[in-house]
Amino acid sequence: MKKMYRIELKNSNRLAKEMALLACLSNGSKYIPLNEIEAVAKTELIRYPSLYDGITIHLIDTTLLIDRGTENLLVLTEIEVMELDQPEMTAQEAKDLLDELSPTLHRQTNTGLLDDTTPELLN
């Protein structure tokens, strides 16, 4: 199982956008734990107190909530997704599959799409 984040950005606040970006980066590459994202957000609150006046950060189980009073700015929920093995395919199997899917393309070994045998593709 792989951990990812469900991201609900509800308001365009700078802090919320930056934490959503961190969650997106975590989804696409190396996993960043939720408590580390919380630590970054709290550091921003300390660094810029007047900019983020009234904003609170709550880590509840697998959810990070950034809000301003009763208005949710960002909700990050940690979820687990199942990883599937991707089947490997040889070049010949890929060509055969393409031929099945598109019979108008008559593929031949060592020829491209723009050769003399496929003039209909030039239009």
Protein backbone atom coordinates (compact mmCIF):
# COMPACT_ATOMS: atom_id res chain seq x y z
CA MET A 1 0.00 0.00 0.00
CA LYS A 2 1.18 3.48 -0.83
CA LYS A 3 0.27 6.61 1.14
CA MET A 4 -1.01 9.67 -0.71
CA TYR A 5 -3.02 12.77 0.12
CA ARG A 6 -6.55 13.79 -0.81
CA ILE A 7 -6.28 17.55 -1.16
CA GLU A 8 -9.25 19.88 -0.65
CA LEU A 9 -8.11 23.47 -1.20
CA LYS A 10 -11.11 25.55 -0.24
CA ASN A 11 -9.69 29.09 -0.21
CA SER A 12 -6.82 30.81 -1.96
CA ASN A 13 -4.64 31.59 1.02
CA ARG A 14 -0.86 31.58 0.57
CA LEU A 15 -0.21 29.14 3.43
CA ALA A 16 -2.95 26.76 2.24
CA LYS A 17 -1.59 26.85 -1.32
CA GLU A 18 1.96 26.11 -0.17
CA MET A 19 0.87 23.16 1.98
CA ALA A 20 -1.31 21.84 -0.86
CA LEU A 21 1.74 22.08 -3.12
CA LEU A 22 3.80 20.07 -0.62
CA ALA A 23 1.08 17.41 -0.58
CA CYS A 24 1.05 17.35 -4.40
CA LEU A 25 4.82 16.92 -4.47
CA SER A 26 4.49 14.10 -1.96
CA ASN A 27 1.86 12.41 -4.14
CA GLY A 28 4.11 12.58 -7.18
CA SER A 29 7.46 11.62 -5.66
CA LYS A 30 8.93 10.90 -2.23
CA TYR A 31 6.32 10.67 0.52
CA ILE A 32 6.29 13.56 3.04
CA PRO A 33 4.61 12.54 6.34
CA LEU A 34 1.63 14.57 7.48
CA ASN A 35 3.34 15.65 10.71
CA GLU A 36 6.18 17.17 8.66
CA ILE A 37 3.72 19.16 6.55
CA GLU A 38 2.13 20.32 9.82
CA ALA A 39 5.57 21.38 11.12
CA VAL A 40 6.25 23.41 7.97
CA ALA A 41 2.85 25.12 8.26
CA LYS A 42 3.37 25.97 11.93
CA THR A 43 6.82 27.34 11.12
CA GLU A 44 5.23 29.66 8.56
CA LEU A 45 2.77 30.86 11.22
CA ILE A 46 5.69 31.70 13.51
CA ARG A 47 7.68 33.41 10.75
CA TYR A 48 4.80 35.57 9.49
CA PRO A 49 2.36 36.09 12.38
CA SER A 50 0.70 39.20 10.96
CA LEU A 51 0.24 37.63 7.53
CA TYR A 52 -1.50 34.57 8.95
CA ASP A 53 -3.44 36.19 11.79
CA GLY A 54 -6.39 34.07 12.87
CA ILE A 55 -5.24 30.92 11.08
CA THR A 56 -5.08 27.69 13.05
CA ILE A 57 -3.63 24.29 12.19
CA HIS A 58 -5.04 21.03 13.52
CA LEU A 59 -3.67 17.52 13.00
CA ILE A 60 -6.41 15.01 13.78
CA ASP A 61 -5.53 11.36 13.11
CA THR A 62 -4.88 11.26 9.35
CA THR A 63 -6.21 14.73 8.54
CA LEU A 64 -4.48 18.10 8.58
CA LEU A 65 -6.87 21.02 8.74
CA ILE A 66 -5.87 24.63 8.18
CA ASP A 67 -8.66 27.07 8.96
CA ARG A 68 -9.52 30.65 9.79
CA GLY A 69 -12.23 30.53 12.42
CA THR A 70 -15.13 28.60 10.93
CA GLU A 71 -13.76 28.76 7.36
CA ASN A 72 -11.72 25.77 6.19
CA LEU A 73 -8.82 26.80 3.99
CA LEU A 74 -7.23 23.41 3.36
CA VAL A 75 -8.02 19.81 4.29
CA LEU A 76 -5.32 17.20 3.68
CA THR A 77 -6.38 13.62 4.29
CA GLU A 78 -3.83 10.84 4.23
CA ILE A 79 -5.13 7.81 2.32
CA GLU A 80 -3.66 4.49 1.32
CA VAL A 81 -3.87 3.36 -2.28
CA MET A 82 -3.08 -0.02 -3.68
CA GLU A 83 -0.14 -0.22 -6.03
CA LEU A 84 -0.66 -2.38 -9.08
CA ASP A 85 2.10 -4.11 -10.97
CA GLN A 86 2.25 -2.80 -14.48
CA PRO A 87 2.52 -5.55 -17.06
CA GLU A 88 5.60 -5.47 -19.20
CA MET A 89 5.22 -5.71 -22.94
CA THR A 90 7.77 -6.43 -25.64
CA ALA A 91 8.04 -4.16 -28.64
CA GLN A 92 6.47 -6.82 -30.86
CA GLU A 93 3.55 -7.29 -28.46
CA ALA A 94 2.99 -3.52 -28.45
CA LYS A 95 2.98 -3.43 -32.29
CA ASP A 96 0.54 -6.35 -32.41
CA LEU A 97 -1.76 -4.61 -29.93
CA LEU A 98 -1.68 -1.37 -31.95
CA ASP A 99 -2.51 -3.33 -35.10
CA GLU A 100 -5.52 -4.86 -33.36
CA LEU A 101 -6.74 -1.49 -32.09
CA SER A 102 -6.27 0.36 -35.35
CA PRO A 103 -6.56 -1.91 -38.40
CA THR A 104 -6.21 1.05 -40.80
CA LEU A 105 -2.58 1.38 -39.79
CA HIS A 106 -0.74 -1.35 -41.62
CA ARG A 107 2.44 -1.54 -39.64
CA GLN A 108 5.43 -3.19 -41.16
CA THR A 109 8.79 -3.80 -39.59
CA ASN A 110 11.21 -0.89 -40.11
CA THR A 111 8.65 1.49 -41.66
CA GLY A 112 7.22 4.63 -40.17
CA LEU A 113 3.88 6.37 -40.47
CA LEU A 114 5.01 8.72 -43.23
CA ASP A 115 6.18 6.23 -45.84
CA ASP A 116 4.75 5.48 -49.31
CA THR A 117 2.53 2.65 -48.07
CA THR A 118 0.31 4.90 -45.90
CA PRO A 119 -0.66 7.93 -48.01
CA GLU A 120 -4.02 8.28 -46.21
CA LEU A 121 -2.20 9.39 -43.08
CA LEU A 122 -0.68 12.39 -44.84
CA ASN A 123 -4.02 14.22 -45.22
